[in-house]
Amino acid sequence: MSDAPLIELKRVTKVYGQGATALQALKGVDLIIEAGDFVAIMGPSGSGKSTVMNMLGCLDTPTTGEYLFHGVHAETLSRDQRARLRRRFLGFVFQGFNLLARTSAQENVELPLLYRGESASVRHAAAARALAQVGLTGWEHHTPAELSGGQQQRVAIARAIVTEPAVLLADEPTGNLDTHRSREIMDLLWSLNVEHGITVLMVTHEADMASYAKRIVRFVDGVVESDTLNPHPAGLKAVHTAEAR
């Protein structure tokens, strides 16, 4: 299975409802994601991009077609097996941060490890490492109300990577941020991809944010309209600019 892509969708369809009210959200999607990819998924509302992200995150299953993860047919897994796959291999970042309001940054980041049953010492050490990776050393004991929007999203990213996932799925991760904070978050995602080898799959409406990706996949009416390489990712430009200073 070593030669298999990290992720492969084959002729995937998704239909919600039945009969006259049925909605076909995906209409035969083929998509390959290799380990180390940074892919921006774009498209208008109703194009299928959110449906395909739910599929990739094992939050939903195809109506027909195949979803292979590391060569394993994820579409045949039980609900519990899909949950284990998510816990082991996937991290999620959302537009709305989804942090617990009265809980410190450290405790928010520890949550996935708590669900895994890890000891307190393991949780504390892993959360400290993850917060350091996102540049928040020293902010461990602050609650979300004491953090800026950009810092809250960094905590959310630390929570997503504390389990050392193979894939980070980011759904409009800069949607609630201003331009400056958005670029900071995109630089961080670029760093996690390039320096730590995490595969990043990101839904975005914003061309500026998509420009950080190595590939841009556009959905229209439930199908892949285009899948293009980005020869000059903005993240690479940011690294060269920083090195030149």
C-alpha atoms as a PDB file:
ATOM      1  CA  MET A   1       0.000   0.000   0.000  1.00  0.00           C
ATOM      2  CA  SER A   2       3.073   2.268   0.194  1.00  0.00           C
ATOM      3  CA  ASP A   3       2.577   3.436  -3.406  1.00  0.00           C
ATOM      4  CA  ALA A   4      -1.056   4.431  -2.818  1.00  0.00           C
ATOM      5  CA  PRO A   5      -1.920   8.142  -2.594  1.00  0.00           C
ATOM      6  CA  LEU A   6      -2.670   9.474   0.869  1.00  0.00           C
ATOM      7  CA  ILE A   7      -6.275  10.182  -0.201  1.00  0.00           C
ATOM      8  CA  GLU A   8      -8.198   9.144  -3.296  1.00  0.00           C
ATOM      9  CA  LEU A   9     -11.813   9.743  -4.258  1.00  0.00           C
ATOM     10  CA  LYS A  10     -13.132   7.621  -7.130  1.00  0.00           C
ATOM     11  CA  ARG A  11     -16.417   8.516  -8.849  1.00  0.00           C
ATOM     12  CA  VAL A  12     -17.863   9.769  -5.552  1.00  0.00           C
ATOM     13  CA  THR A  13     -21.481  10.906  -5.486  1.00  0.00           C
ATOM     14  CA  LYS A  14     -23.563  12.239  -2.615  1.00  0.00           C
ATOM     15  CA  VAL A  15     -27.348  12.500  -2.670  1.00  0.00           C
ATOM     16  CA  TYR A  16     -29.388  14.017   0.140  1.00  0.00           C
ATOM     17  CA  GLY A  17     -33.076  13.130   0.370  1.00  0.00           C
ATOM     18  CA  GLN A  18     -35.167  10.978  -1.923  1.00  0.00           C
ATOM     19  CA  GLY A  19     -37.485  11.245  -4.886  1.00  0.00           C
ATOM     20  CA  ALA A  20     -38.509  14.678  -6.139  1.00  0.00           C
ATOM     21  CA  THR A  21     -36.767  16.425  -3.229  1.00  0.00           C
ATOM     22  CA  ALA A  22     -33.431  14.646  -3.708  1.00  0.00           C
ATOM     23  CA  LEU A  23     -30.377  16.899  -3.945  1.00  0.00           C
ATOM     24  CA  GLN A  24     -27.270  15.577  -5.664  1.00  0.00           C
ATOM     25  CA  ALA A  25     -24.431  17.449  -3.951  1.00  0.00           C
ATOM     26  CA  LEU A  26     -21.605  15.495  -5.629  1.00  0.00           C
ATOM     27  CA  LYS A  27     -21.870  14.067  -9.129  1.00  0.00           C
ATOM     28  CA  GLY A  28     -18.930  11.738  -9.659  1.00  0.00           C
ATOM     29  CA  VAL A  29     -15.852  13.326  -8.068  1.00  0.00           C
ATOM     30  CA  ASP A  30     -12.353  12.007  -8.761  1.00  0.00           C
ATOM     31  CA  LEU A  31      -9.617  13.521  -6.600  1.00  0.00           C
ATOM     32  CA  ILE A  32      -6.121  12.473  -5.507  1.00  0.00           C
ATOM     33  CA  ILE A  33      -4.281  14.043  -2.563  1.00  0.00           C
ATOM     34  CA  GLU A  34      -0.651  13.101  -2.057  1.00  0.00           C
ATOM     35  CA  ALA A  35       1.110  13.280   1.306  1.00  0.00           C
ATOM     36  CA  GLY A  36       2.566  16.772   1.755  1.00  0.00           C
ATOM     37  CA  ASP A  37       0.027  18.498  -0.511  1.00  0.00           C
ATOM     38  CA  PHE A  38      -1.394  21.903   0.361  1.00  0.00           C
ATOM     39  CA  VAL A  39      -4.714  22.086  -1.486  1.00  0.00           C
ATOM     40  CA  ALA A  40      -7.177  24.974  -1.582  1.00  0.00           C
ATOM     41  CA  ILE A  41     -10.744  23.907  -2.377  1.00  0.00           C
ATOM     42  CA  MET A  42     -12.819  26.692  -3.910  1.00  0.00           C
ATOM     43  CA  GLY A  43     -16.208  27.172  -5.526  1.00  0.00           C
ATOM     44  CA  PRO A  44     -19.481  29.061  -5.143  1.00  0.00           C
ATOM     45  CA  SER A  45     -22.084  28.203  -2.516  1.00  0.00           C
ATOM     46  CA  GLY A  46     -23.752  24.907  -3.376  1.00  0.00           C
ATOM     47  CA  SER A  47     -20.836  23.735  -5.524  1.00  0.00           C
ATOM     48  CA  GLY A  48     -20.094  20.693  -3.344  1.00  0.00           C
ATOM     49  CA  LYS A  49     -16.889  21.861  -1.684  1.00  0.00           C
ATOM     50  CA  SER A  50     -18.219  21.605   1.887  1.00  0.00           C
ATOM     51  CA  THR A  51     -19.745  18.203   1.136  1.00  0.00           C
ATOM     52  CA  VAL A  52     -16.441  16.891  -0.162  1.00  0.00           C
ATOM     53  CA  MET A  53     -14.616  18.256   2.901  1.00  0.00           C
ATOM     54  CA  ASN A  54     -17.065  16.426   5.167  1.00  0.00           C
ATOM     55  CA  MET A  55     -16.360  13.311   3.134  1.00  0.00           C
ATOM     56  CA  LEU A  56     -12.580  13.740   3.401  1.00  0.00           C
ATOM     57  CA  GLY A  57     -12.930  14.300   7.141  1.00  0.00           C
ATOM     58  CA  CYS A  58     -14.893  11.049   7.545  1.00  0.00           C
ATOM     59  CA  LEU A  59     -17.862  13.057   8.841  1.00  0.00           C
ATOM     60  CA  ASP A  60     -19.996  11.749   5.975  1.00  0.00           C
ATOM     61  CA  THR A  61     -19.941   8.829   3.545  1.00  0.00           C
ATOM     62  CA  PRO A  62     -20.474   8.643  -0.228  1.00  0.00           C
ATOM     63  CA  THR A  63     -23.794   7.557  -1.689  1.00  0.00           C
ATOM     64  CA  THR A  64     -21.762   5.766  -4.351  1.00  0.00           C
ATOM     65  CA  GLY A  65     -18.081   5.637  -5.213  1.00  0.00           C
ATOM     66  CA  GLU A  66     -14.915   4.988  -3.225  1.00  0.00           C
ATOM     67  CA  TYR A  67     -12.905   6.929  -0.637  1.00  0.00           C
ATOM     68  CA  LEU A  68      -9.461   5.452  -0.024  1.00  0.00           C
ATOM     69  CA  PHE A  69      -7.295   6.687   2.861  1.00  0.00           C
ATOM     70  CA  HIS A  70      -3.785   5.210   2.839  1.00  0.00           C
ATOM     71  CA  GLY A  71      -5.259   2.604   0.482  1.00  0.00           C
ATOM     72  CA  VAL A  72      -8.006   1.624   2.949  1.00  0.00           C
ATOM     73  CA  HIS A  73     -11.623   1.871   1.792  1.00  0.00           C
ATOM     74  CA  ALA A  74     -12.926   4.435   4.283  1.00  0.00           C
ATOM     75  CA  GLU A  75     -16.433   4.298   2.791  1.00  0.00           C
ATOM     76  CA  THR A  76     -16.795   0.735   4.094  1.00  0.00           C
ATOM     77  CA  LEU A  77     -15.795   1.543   7.690  1.00  0.00           C
ATOM     78  CA  SER A  78     -18.296   1.565  10.539  1.00  0.00           C
ATOM     79  CA  ARG A  79     -19.098   4.790  12.391  1.00  0.00           C
ATOM     80  CA  ASP A  80     -16.717   3.807  15.223  1.00  0.00           C
ATOM     81  CA  GLN A  81     -13.944   2.918  12.783  1.00  0.00           C
ATOM     82  CA  ARG A  82     -14.320   6.277  11.029  1.00  0.00           C
ATOM     83  CA  ALA A  83     -14.151   7.995  14.422  1.00  0.00           C
ATOM     84  CA  ARG A  84     -10.887   6.189  15.184  1.00  0.00           C
ATOM     85  CA  LEU A  85      -9.498   7.215  11.783  1.00  0.00           C
ATOM     86  CA  ARG A  86     -10.380  10.850  12.538  1.00  0.00           C
ATOM     87  CA  ARG A  87      -8.761  10.744  15.975  1.00  0.00           C
ATOM     88  CA  ARG A  88      -5.562   9.178  14.667  1.00  0.00           C
ATOM     89  CA  PHE A  89      -4.987  10.883  11.336  1.00  0.00           C
ATOM     90  CA  LEU A  90      -7.085  14.054  11.010  1.00  0.00           C
ATOM     91  CA  GLY A  91      -7.119  17.510  12.580  1.00  0.00           C
ATOM     92  CA  PHE A  92      -9.879  20.085  12.059  1.00  0.00           C
ATOM     93  CA  VAL A  93      -9.830  23.903  12.036  1.00  0.00           C
ATOM     94  CA  PHE A  94     -13.051  25.893  11.674  1.00  0.00           C
ATOM     95  CA  GLN A  95     -13.944  29.483  10.844  1.00  0.00           C
ATOM     96  CA  GLY A  96     -15.551  30.013  14.252  1.00  0.00           C
ATOM     97  CA  PHE A  97     -12.587  28.767  16.376  1.00  0.00           C
ATOM     98  CA  ASN A  98     -14.944  26.573  18.509  1.00  0.00           C
ATOM     99  CA  LEU A  99     -12.983  27.104  21.727  1.00  0.00           C
ATOM    100  CA  LEU A 100     -14.453  26.517  25.186  1.00  0.00           C
ATOM    101  CA  ALA A 101     -15.010  30.016  26.558  1.00  0.00           C
ATOM    102  CA  ARG A 102     -14.111  29.515  30.227  1.00  0.00           C
ATOM    103  CA  THR A 103     -11.203  27.194  29.535  1.00  0.00           C
ATOM    104  CA  SER A 104      -7.542  28.157  29.175  1.00  0.00           C
ATOM    105  CA  ALA A 105      -5.631  27.835  25.922  1.00  0.00           C
ATOM    106  CA  GLN A 106      -3.702  24.914  27.401  1.00  0.00           C
ATOM    107  CA  GLU A 107      -6.883  23.077  28.406  1.00  0.00           C
ATOM    108  CA  ASN A 108      -8.528  23.725  25.020  1.00  0.00           C
ATOM    109  CA  VAL A 109      -5.527  22.229  23.246  1.00  0.00           C
ATOM    110  CA  GLU A 110      -5.479  19.207  25.564  1.00  0.00           C
ATOM    111  CA  LEU A 111      -9.086  18.209  24.771  1.00  0.00           C
ATOM    112  CA  PRO A 112      -8.371  15.738  21.922  1.00  0.00           C
ATOM    113  CA  LEU A 113      -5.821  13.977  24.137  1.00  0.00           C
ATOM    114  CA  LEU A 114      -8.300  13.876  26.999  1.00  0.00           C
ATOM    115  CA  TYR A 115     -10.739  12.055  24.708  1.00  0.00           C
ATOM    116  CA  ARG A 116      -7.951   9.614  23.872  1.00  0.00           C
ATOM    117  CA  GLY A 117      -7.443   8.875  27.566  1.00  0.00           C
ATOM    118  CA  GLU A 118      -3.884  10.206  27.746  1.00  0.00           C
ATOM    119  CA  SER A 119      -2.373  10.938  31.158  1.00  0.00           C
ATOM    120  CA  ALA A 120      -2.196  14.499  32.486  1.00  0.00           C
ATOM    121  CA  SER A 121       1.586  14.636  32.060  1.00  0.00           C
ATOM    122  CA  VAL A 122       1.365  13.521  28.420  1.00  0.00           C
ATOM    123  CA  ARG A 123      -1.428  16.029  27.729  1.00  0.00           C
ATOM    124  CA  HIS A 124       0.439  18.939  29.322  1.00  0.00           C
ATOM    125  CA  ALA A 125       3.669  18.250  27.435  1.00  0.00           C
ATOM    126  CA  ALA A 126       1.964  17.758  24.074  1.00  0.00           C
ATOM    127  CA  ALA A 127      -0.182  20.899  24.472  1.00  0.00           C
ATOM    128  CA  ALA A 128       2.890  22.953  25.373  1.00  0.00           C
ATOM    129  CA  ARG A 129       4.646  21.718  22.221  1.00  0.00           C
ATOM    130  CA  ALA A 130       1.638  22.465  20.033  1.00  0.00           C
ATOM    131  CA  LEU A 131       1.217  25.977  21.470  1.00  0.00           C
ATOM    132  CA  ALA A 132       4.922  26.609  20.896  1.00  0.00           C
ATOM    133  CA  GLN A 133       4.535  25.503  17.270  1.00  0.00           C
ATOM    134  CA  VAL A 134       1.876  28.170  16.723  1.00  0.00           C
ATOM    135  CA  GLY A 135       3.830  30.883  18.535  1.00  0.00           C
ATOM    136  CA  LEU A 136       1.795  31.023  21.759  1.00  0.00           C
ATOM    137  CA  THR A 137       4.335  30.073  24.401  1.00  0.00           C
ATOM    138  CA  GLY A 138       3.479  32.169  27.454  1.00  0.00           C
ATOM    139  CA  TRP A 139      -0.234  32.322  26.623  1.00  0.00           C
ATOM    140  CA  GLU A 140      -1.107  28.889  27.985  1.00  0.00           C
ATOM    141  CA  HIS A 141      -3.281  30.127  30.858  1.00  0.00           C
ATOM    142  CA  HIS A 142      -5.250  32.784  28.971  1.00  0.00           C
ATOM    143  CA  THR A 143      -8.922  32.183  28.151  1.00  0.00           C
ATOM    144  CA  PRO A 144     -10.347  32.949  24.675  1.00  0.00           C
ATOM    145  CA  ALA A 145     -11.763  36.260  25.947  1.00  0.00           C
ATOM    146  CA  GLU A 146      -8.200  37.345  26.732  1.00  0.00           C
ATOM    147  CA  LEU A 147      -6.931  36.527  23.230  1.00  0.00           C
ATOM    148  CA  SER A 148      -7.255  38.288  19.872  1.00  0.00           C
ATOM    149  CA  GLY A 149      -9.073  36.601  16.996  1.00  0.00           C
ATOM    150  CA  GLY A 150      -5.767  35.599  15.446  1.00  0.00           C
ATOM    151  CA  GLN A 151      -4.553  34.143  18.737  1.00  0.00           C
ATOM    152  CA  GLN A 152      -7.808  32.223  19.175  1.00  0.00           C
ATOM    153  CA  GLN A 153      -7.376  30.679  15.730  1.00  0.00           C
ATOM    154  CA  ARG A 154      -3.791  29.763  16.664  1.00  0.00           C
ATOM    155  CA  VAL A 155      -5.128  27.960  19.741  1.00  0.00           C
ATOM    156  CA  ALA A 156      -7.629  26.164  17.490  1.00  0.00           C
ATOM    157  CA  ILE A 157      -4.797  25.131  15.160  1.00  0.00           C
ATOM    158  CA  ALA A 158      -2.701  23.950  18.119  1.00  0.00           C
ATOM    159  CA  ARG A 159      -5.677  21.837  19.241  1.00  0.00           C
ATOM    160  CA  ALA A 160      -5.897  20.377  15.725  1.00  0.00           C
ATOM    161  CA  ILE A 161      -2.202  19.439  15.552  1.00  0.00           C
ATOM    162  CA  VAL A 162      -1.679  18.261  19.150  1.00  0.00           C
ATOM    163  CA  THR A 163      -2.462  14.694  18.047  1.00  0.00           C
ATOM    164  CA  GLU A 164       0.183  14.975  15.282  1.00  0.00           C
ATOM    165  CA  PRO A 165      -2.288  14.327  12.448  1.00  0.00           C
ATOM    166  CA  ALA A 166      -1.331  13.428   8.899  1.00  0.00           C
ATOM    167  CA  VAL A 167      -3.974  15.783   7.490  1.00  0.00           C
ATOM    168  CA  LEU A 168      -5.248  19.175   8.608  1.00  0.00           C
ATOM    169  CA  LEU A 169      -8.696  20.081   7.261  1.00  0.00           C
ATOM    170  CA  ALA A 170      -9.325  23.823   7.488  1.00  0.00           C
ATOM    171  CA  ASP A 171     -12.799  25.195   6.692  1.00  0.00           C
ATOM    172  CA  GLU A 172     -12.573  28.947   5.977  1.00  0.00           C
ATOM    173  CA  PRO A 173      -9.848  29.322   8.651  1.00  0.00           C
ATOM    174  CA  THR A 174      -9.442  33.068   8.008  1.00  0.00           C
ATOM    175  CA  GLY A 175     -13.134  33.879   7.520  1.00  0.00           C
ATOM    176  CA  ASN A 176     -13.443  35.759  10.840  1.00  0.00           C
ATOM    177  CA  LEU A 177     -10.094  37.557  10.667  1.00  0.00           C
ATOM    178  CA  ASP A 178      -8.814  40.829   9.225  1.00  0.00           C
ATOM    179  CA  THR A 179      -6.262  40.830   6.399  1.00  0.00           C
ATOM    180  CA  HIS A 180      -3.186  41.038   8.648  1.00  0.00           C
ATOM    181  CA  ARG A 181      -4.306  38.221  10.962  1.00  0.00           C
ATOM    182  CA  SER A 182      -5.401  36.159   7.945  1.00  0.00           C
ATOM    183  CA  ARG A 183      -1.906  36.305   6.479  1.00  0.00           C
ATOM    184  CA  GLU A 184      -0.420  35.328   9.831  1.00  0.00           C
ATOM    185  CA  ILE A 185      -2.650  32.238   9.930  1.00  0.00           C
ATOM    186  CA  MET A 186      -1.819  31.356   6.331  1.00  0.00           C
ATOM    187  CA  ASP A 187       1.912  31.713   7.034  1.00  0.00           C
ATOM    188  CA  LEU A 188       1.396  29.347   9.960  1.00  0.00           C
ATOM    189  CA  LEU A 189      -0.457  26.783   7.833  1.00  0.00           C
ATOM    190  CA  TRP A 190       2.315  27.043   5.236  1.00  0.00           C
ATOM    191  CA  SER A 191       4.912  26.384   7.946  1.00  0.00           C
ATOM    192  CA  LEU A 192       3.028  23.365   9.279  1.00  0.00           C
ATOM    193  CA  ASN A 193       2.830  21.987   5.733  1.00  0.00           C
ATOM    194  CA  VAL A 194       6.416  22.619   4.647  1.00  0.00           C
ATOM    195  CA  GLU A 195       8.342  22.239   7.899  1.00  0.00           C
ATOM    196  CA  HIS A 196       6.274  19.569   9.633  1.00  0.00           C
ATOM    197  CA  GLY A 197       4.944  17.642   6.640  1.00  0.00           C
ATOM    198  CA  ILE A 198       1.262  18.019   7.513  1.00  0.00           C
ATOM    199  CA  THR A 199      -0.999  17.730   4.466  1.00  0.00           C
ATOM    200  CA  VAL A 200      -3.337  20.749   4.414  1.00  0.00           C
ATOM    201  CA  LEU A 201      -6.789  20.750   2.790  1.00  0.00           C
ATOM    202  CA  MET A 202      -8.453  24.153   3.017  1.00  0.00           C
ATOM    203  CA  VAL A 203     -11.848  25.434   1.898  1.00  0.00           C
ATOM    204  CA  THR A 204     -11.783  29.157   1.161  1.00  0.00           C
ATOM    205  CA  HIS A 205     -13.721  31.777  -0.787  1.00  0.00           C
ATOM    206  CA  GLU A 206     -10.748  34.136  -0.786  1.00  0.00           C
ATOM    207  CA  ALA A 207      -8.315  34.099  -3.708  1.00  0.00           C
ATOM    208  CA  ASP A 208      -5.607  35.752  -1.591  1.00  0.00           C
ATOM    209  CA  MET A 209      -5.748  32.882   0.885  1.00  0.00           C
ATOM    210  CA  ALA A 210      -5.955  30.229  -1.828  1.00  0.00           C
ATOM    211  CA  SER A 211      -2.768  31.682  -3.327  1.00  0.00           C
ATOM    212  CA  TYR A 212      -0.823  30.078  -0.438  1.00  0.00           C
ATOM    213  CA  ALA A 213      -1.755  26.588  -1.630  1.00  0.00           C
ATOM    214  CA  LYS A 214       0.324  24.394  -3.908  1.00  0.00           C
ATOM    215  CA  ARG A 215      -2.836  23.250  -5.730  1.00  0.00           C
ATOM    216  CA  ILE A 216      -6.193  24.901  -6.271  1.00  0.00           C
ATOM    217  CA  VAL A 217      -9.219  22.653  -6.886  1.00  0.00           C
ATOM    218  CA  ARG A 218     -12.415  24.394  -8.038  1.00  0.00           C
ATOM    219  CA  PHE A 219     -15.834  22.829  -7.641  1.00  0.00           C
ATOM    220  CA  VAL A 220     -18.889  23.799  -9.687  1.00  0.00           C
ATOM    221  CA  ASP A 221     -22.279  22.050  -9.522  1.00  0.00           C
ATOM    222  CA  GLY A 222     -20.955  18.996  -7.686  1.00  0.00           C
ATOM    223  CA  VAL A 223     -18.001  18.245  -9.948  1.00  0.00           C
ATOM    224  CA  VAL A 224     -14.341  19.247 -10.113  1.00  0.00           C
ATOM    225  CA  GLU A 225     -14.190  22.027 -12.696  1.00  0.00           C
ATOM    226  CA  SER A 226     -10.412  22.455 -12.497  1.00  0.00           C
ATOM    227  CA  ASP A 227      -7.407  21.155 -10.560  1.00  0.00           C
ATOM    228  CA  THR A 228      -4.349  23.322 -11.130  1.00  0.00           C
ATOM    229  CA  LEU A 229      -0.861  23.532  -9.692  1.00  0.00           C
ATOM    230  CA  ASN A 230       0.144  26.881  -8.222  1.00  0.00           C
ATOM    231  CA  PRO A 231       3.786  27.359  -9.292  1.00  0.00           C
ATOM    232  CA  HIS A 232       4.355  30.371  -7.025  1.00  0.00           C
ATOM    233  CA  PRO A 233       2.596  29.858  -3.664  1.00  0.00           C
ATOM    234  CA  ALA A 234       2.322  32.996  -1.542  1.00  0.00           C
ATOM    235  CA  GLY A 235       3.798  31.093   1.406  1.00  0.00           C
ATOM    236  CA  LEU A 236       6.994  30.550  -0.549  1.00  0.00           C
ATOM    237  CA  LYS A 237       7.160  34.247  -1.378  1.00  0.00           C
ATOM    238  CA  ALA A 238       6.699  35.132   2.311  1.00  0.00           C
ATOM    239  CA  VAL A 239       9.611  32.852   3.266  1.00  0.00           C
ATOM    240  CA  HIS A 240      11.889  34.415   0.625  1.00  0.00           C
ATOM    241  CA  THR A 241      10.922  37.922   1.757  1.00  0.00           C
ATOM    242  CA  ALA A 242      11.701  37.070   5.390  1.00  0.00           C
ATOM    243  CA  GLU A 243      15.052  35.539   4.430  1.00  0.00           C
ATOM    244  CA  ALA A 244      15.986  38.638   2.422  1.00  0.00           C
ATOM    245  CA  ARG A 245      15.513  40.958   5.416  1.00  0.00           C
END
